[in-house]
Amino acid sequence: MIIDTSAVVAILRDEPDAETLARAIEADDDRRMSAVSYVEAAVVIDGSRDPVASRRFDEAIDVAGITIEPVTERQALLARAAYRDFGKGSG
C-alpha cells in the first residue's frame, strides 16, 4: 500500500476518517510512503509547533512499519508534468 500525506495527517489529527484509514493501513502488510510524502506530512505536523505531535508522527511511522521509498528525478519530472496537465485548475 502506498500511503498518502493526507492519510497520515488525518490519523494523527484524529479527523473523522482516521479510524477507517488506520484500519486500512494496518490490514496491509506492505506499507510504503514516498520520501516526498513523508517530508510533506512531517512539515504539516511540525508546523503546529507541537513537540508531542512531532514525536507522535515519528512513532506512528515506526510502529506502522512504513518504509520510506526514494523518489527518482524521472519520477519527480513525471509527477510535475501530470500535475500540470491534469491537476487542480488544469481544466
N, C-alpha and C. Protein backbone atom coordinates (compact mmCIF):
# COMPACT_ATOMS: atom_id res chain seq x y z
N MET A 1 0.84 -1.17 0.00
CA MET A 1 0.00 0.00 0.00
C MET A 1 0.89 1.24 0.00
N ILE A 2 0.56 2.18 -0.85
CA ILE A 2 1.24 3.47 -0.86
C ILE A 2 0.41 4.42 0.00
N ILE A 3 1.03 4.97 1.01
CA ILE A 3 0.32 5.81 1.98
C ILE A 3 0.55 7.28 1.63
N ASP A 4 -0.55 8.01 1.53
CA ASP A 4 -0.51 9.41 1.15
C ASP A 4 -0.37 10.31 2.38
N THR A 5 0.15 11.49 2.15
CA THR A 5 0.30 12.51 3.20
C THR A 5 -1.00 12.71 3.95
N SER A 6 -2.08 12.89 3.22
CA SER A 6 -3.37 13.22 3.85
C SER A 6 -3.84 12.13 4.81
N ALA A 7 -3.53 10.87 4.51
CA ALA A 7 -3.94 9.78 5.40
C ALA A 7 -3.21 9.86 6.73
N VAL A 8 -1.91 10.08 6.68
CA VAL A 8 -1.12 10.17 7.91
C VAL A 8 -1.56 11.37 8.74
N VAL A 9 -1.75 12.50 8.09
CA VAL A 9 -2.17 13.71 8.80
C VAL A 9 -3.55 13.50 9.42
N ALA A 10 -4.48 12.91 8.68
CA ALA A 10 -5.83 12.66 9.20
C ALA A 10 -5.79 11.77 10.43
N ILE A 11 -4.97 10.75 10.40
CA ILE A 11 -4.86 9.84 11.55
C ILE A 11 -4.30 10.58 12.76
N LEU A 12 -3.22 11.31 12.56
CA LEU A 12 -2.59 11.99 13.68
C LEU A 12 -3.43 13.13 14.24
N ARG A 13 -4.27 13.72 13.41
CA ARG A 13 -5.15 14.80 13.88
C ARG A 13 -6.51 14.28 14.32
N ASP A 14 -6.67 12.97 14.31
CA ASP A 14 -7.91 12.31 14.72
C ASP A 14 -9.12 12.88 13.98
N GLU A 15 -8.98 13.02 12.68
CA GLU A 15 -10.07 13.51 11.84
C GLU A 15 -11.13 12.42 11.72
N PRO A 16 -12.34 12.77 11.25
CA PRO A 16 -13.45 11.80 11.22
C PRO A 16 -13.13 10.46 10.55
N ASP A 17 -12.31 10.44 9.52
CA ASP A 17 -12.00 9.19 8.83
C ASP A 17 -10.73 8.51 9.34
N ALA A 18 -10.19 9.00 10.44
CA ALA A 18 -8.91 8.48 10.97
C ALA A 18 -8.95 6.98 11.25
N GLU A 19 -10.01 6.52 11.88
CA GLU A 19 -10.08 5.11 12.25
C GLU A 19 -10.15 4.21 11.01
N THR A 20 -10.93 4.62 10.03
CA THR A 20 -11.03 3.85 8.78
C THR A 20 -9.69 3.78 8.07
N LEU A 21 -9.00 4.91 8.00
CA LEU A 21 -7.68 4.95 7.36
C LEU A 21 -6.67 4.08 8.11
N ALA A 22 -6.67 4.18 9.43
CA ALA A 22 -5.74 3.40 10.24
C ALA A 22 -5.97 1.90 10.05
N ARG A 23 -7.24 1.50 10.01
CA ARG A 23 -7.55 0.08 9.80
C ARG A 23 -7.08 -0.40 8.42
N ALA A 24 -7.27 0.43 7.41
CA ALA A 24 -6.84 0.05 6.05
C ALA A 24 -5.33 -0.11 6.00
N ILE A 25 -4.61 0.80 6.63
CA ILE A 25 -3.15 0.71 6.65
C ILE A 25 -2.71 -0.53 7.42
N GLU A 26 -3.34 -0.75 8.55
CA GLU A 26 -2.98 -1.91 9.38
C GLU A 26 -3.25 -3.23 8.66
N ALA A 27 -4.27 -3.27 7.83
CA ALA A 27 -4.65 -4.50 7.14
C ALA A 27 -3.67 -4.91 6.04
N ASP A 28 -2.86 -3.98 5.58
CA ASP A 28 -1.91 -4.27 4.50
C ASP A 28 -0.52 -4.51 5.09
N ASP A 29 0.11 -5.59 4.68
CA ASP A 29 1.44 -5.92 5.22
C ASP A 29 2.57 -5.13 4.58
N ASP A 30 2.33 -4.56 3.41
CA ASP A 30 3.37 -3.84 2.68
C ASP A 30 3.03 -2.35 2.67
N ARG A 31 3.56 -1.63 3.64
CA ARG A 31 3.22 -0.21 3.83
C ARG A 31 4.39 0.65 3.38
N ARG A 32 4.11 1.52 2.41
CA ARG A 32 5.17 2.38 1.86
C ARG A 32 4.68 3.81 1.73
N MET A 33 5.64 4.71 1.76
CA MET A 33 5.36 6.13 1.61
C MET A 33 6.53 6.74 0.86
N SER A 34 6.25 7.59 -0.11
CA SER A 34 7.37 8.21 -0.83
C SER A 34 8.08 9.18 0.09
N ALA A 35 9.34 9.40 -0.18
CA ALA A 35 10.12 10.36 0.61
C ALA A 35 9.48 11.74 0.55
N VAL A 36 8.90 12.09 -0.59
CA VAL A 36 8.24 13.39 -0.74
C VAL A 36 7.03 13.47 0.18
N SER A 37 6.21 12.44 0.20
CA SER A 37 5.02 12.43 1.07
C SER A 37 5.42 12.45 2.54
N TYR A 38 6.48 11.73 2.87
CA TYR A 38 6.97 11.72 4.25
C TYR A 38 7.35 13.13 4.69
N VAL A 39 8.13 13.83 3.88
CA VAL A 39 8.55 15.19 4.23
C VAL A 39 7.34 16.11 4.29
N GLU A 40 6.43 15.98 3.33
CA GLU A 40 5.24 16.83 3.30
C GLU A 40 4.41 16.63 4.58
N ALA A 41 4.19 15.39 4.97
CA ALA A 41 3.42 15.11 6.19
C ALA A 41 4.15 15.64 7.42
N ALA A 42 5.46 15.46 7.46
CA ALA A 42 6.24 15.96 8.60
C ALA A 42 6.16 17.48 8.70
N VAL A 43 6.21 18.17 7.57
CA VAL A 43 6.13 19.63 7.57
C VAL A 43 4.77 20.08 8.10
N VAL A 44 3.71 19.40 7.68
CA VAL A 44 2.37 19.75 8.16
C VAL A 44 2.28 19.55 9.67
N ILE A 45 2.72 18.40 10.15
CA ILE A 45 2.65 18.10 11.59
C ILE A 45 3.58 19.02 12.37
N ASP A 46 4.80 19.19 11.91
CA ASP A 46 5.76 20.05 12.61
C ASP A 46 5.33 21.51 12.59
N GLY A 47 4.52 21.88 11.60
CA GLY A 47 4.04 23.25 11.50
C GLY A 47 3.18 23.67 12.67
N SER A 48 2.65 22.69 13.40
CA SER A 48 1.84 23.00 14.58
C SER A 48 2.70 23.47 15.75
N ARG A 49 4.00 23.30 15.61
CA ARG A 49 4.96 23.66 16.67
C ARG A 49 4.66 22.93 17.98
N ASP A 50 4.13 21.73 17.83
CA ASP A 50 3.79 20.90 18.99
C ASP A 50 4.77 19.73 19.03
N PRO A 51 5.71 19.74 19.98
CA PRO A 51 6.71 18.67 20.02
C PRO A 51 6.10 17.29 20.25
N VAL A 52 4.97 17.24 20.93
CA VAL A 52 4.30 15.95 21.15
C VAL A 52 3.77 15.41 19.82
N ALA A 53 3.17 16.28 19.02
CA ALA A 53 2.67 15.86 17.71
C ALA A 53 3.81 15.40 16.82
N SER A 54 4.94 16.10 16.87
CA SER A 54 6.10 15.70 16.08
C SER A 54 6.60 14.32 16.48
N ARG A 55 6.66 14.06 17.77
CA ARG A 55 7.09 12.73 18.25
C ARG A 55 6.08 11.66 17.85
N ARG A 56 4.79 12.00 17.93
CA ARG A 56 3.74 11.04 17.54
C ARG A 56 3.89 10.67 16.06
N PHE A 57 4.25 11.64 15.24
CA PHE A 57 4.45 11.37 13.81
C PHE A 57 5.58 10.35 13.63
N ASP A 58 6.72 10.63 14.25
CA ASP A 58 7.86 9.71 14.14
C ASP A 58 7.51 8.32 14.65
N GLU A 59 6.83 8.26 15.78
CA GLU A 59 6.44 6.97 16.36
C GLU A 59 5.45 6.23 15.47
N ALA A 60 4.50 6.95 14.90
CA ALA A 60 3.48 6.33 14.05
C ALA A 60 4.11 5.68 12.82
N ILE A 61 5.04 6.38 12.21
CA ILE A 61 5.72 5.83 11.03
C ILE A 61 6.48 4.56 11.41
N ASP A 62 7.17 4.62 12.54
CA ASP A 62 7.96 3.48 13.01
C ASP A 62 7.07 2.30 13.40
N VAL A 63 6.07 2.54 14.24
CA VAL A 63 5.20 1.47 14.73
C VAL A 63 4.42 0.82 13.59
N ALA A 64 3.99 1.63 12.63
CA ALA A 64 3.23 1.09 11.50
C ALA A 64 4.12 0.32 10.53
N GLY A 65 5.43 0.44 10.70
CA GLY A 65 6.35 -0.26 9.80
C GLY A 65 6.30 0.27 8.38
N ILE A 66 6.16 1.58 8.26
CA ILE A 66 6.09 2.21 6.95
C ILE A 66 7.50 2.40 6.40
N THR A 67 7.73 1.90 5.20
CA THR A 67 9.01 2.05 4.52
C THR A 67 8.98 3.34 3.72
N ILE A 68 10.01 4.17 3.89
CA ILE A 68 10.12 5.41 3.12
C ILE A 68 10.86 5.08 1.82
N GLU A 69 10.19 5.33 0.70
CA GLU A 69 10.75 4.99 -0.61
C GLU A 69 11.35 6.23 -1.27
N PRO A 70 12.52 6.10 -1.87
CA PRO A 70 13.13 7.24 -2.56
C PRO A 70 12.34 7.60 -3.82
N VAL A 71 12.55 8.81 -4.27
CA VAL A 71 11.92 9.29 -5.50
C VAL A 71 13.04 9.67 -6.46
N THR A 72 12.96 9.15 -7.66
CA THR A 72 13.99 9.46 -8.66
C THR A 72 13.67 10.78 -9.36
N GLU A 73 14.65 11.31 -10.03
CA GLU A 73 14.44 12.55 -10.80
C GLU A 73 13.36 12.32 -11.86
N ARG A 74 13.41 11.20 -12.52
CA ARG A 74 12.40 10.90 -13.56
C ARG A 74 11.00 10.88 -12.96
N GLN A 75 10.83 10.25 -11.81
CA GLN A 75 9.52 10.21 -11.17
C GLN A 75 9.05 11.61 -10.80
N ALA A 76 9.96 12.43 -10.31
CA ALA A 76 9.60 13.80 -9.94
C ALA A 76 9.15 14.59 -11.17
N LEU A 77 9.87 14.45 -12.27
CA LEU A 77 9.51 15.16 -13.50
C LEU A 77 8.16 14.69 -14.04
N LEU A 78 7.91 13.38 -14.00
CA LEU A 78 6.62 12.85 -14.44
C LEU A 78 5.48 13.34 -13.55
N ALA A 79 5.72 13.37 -12.25
CA ALA A 79 4.69 13.84 -11.32
C ALA A 79 4.36 15.30 -11.58
N ARG A 80 5.36 16.11 -11.81
CA ARG A 80 5.12 17.52 -12.10
C ARG A 80 4.34 17.68 -13.39
N ALA A 81 4.72 16.94 -14.41
CA ALA A 81 4.01 17.02 -15.69
C ALA A 81 2.55 16.58 -15.54
N ALA A 82 2.32 15.53 -14.78
CA ALA A 82 0.95 15.05 -14.56
C ALA A 82 0.13 16.10 -13.81
N TYR A 83 0.73 16.71 -12.81
CA TYR A 83 0.01 17.75 -12.06
C TYR A 83 -0.30 18.93 -12.97
N ARG A 84 0.68 19.34 -13.75
CA ARG A 84 0.50 20.48 -14.66
C ARG A 84 -0.63 20.19 -15.65
N ASP A 85 -0.66 18.97 -16.19
CA ASP A 85 -1.63 18.63 -17.22
C ASP A 85 -3.00 18.22 -16.69
N PHE A 86 -3.03 17.61 -15.50
CA PHE A 86 -4.29 17.05 -15.01
C PHE A 86 -4.67 17.49 -13.61
N GLY A 87 -3.81 18.23 -12.94
CA GLY A 87 -4.04 18.60 -11.54
C GLY A 87 -5.03 19.75 -11.38
N LYS A 88 -5.12 20.19 -10.15
CA LYS A 88 -6.01 21.27 -9.75
C LYS A 88 -5.92 22.45 -10.72
N GLY A 89 -7.06 22.91 -11.19
CA GLY A 89 -7.11 24.08 -12.05
C GLY A 89 -6.68 23.84 -13.48
N SER A 90 -6.47 22.58 -13.87
CA SER A 90 -6.00 22.31 -15.23
C SER A 90 -7.13 22.36 -16.26
N GLY A 91 -8.34 22.40 -15.77
CA GLY A 91 -9.47 22.48 -16.70
C GLY A 91 -10.21 21.24 -16.74
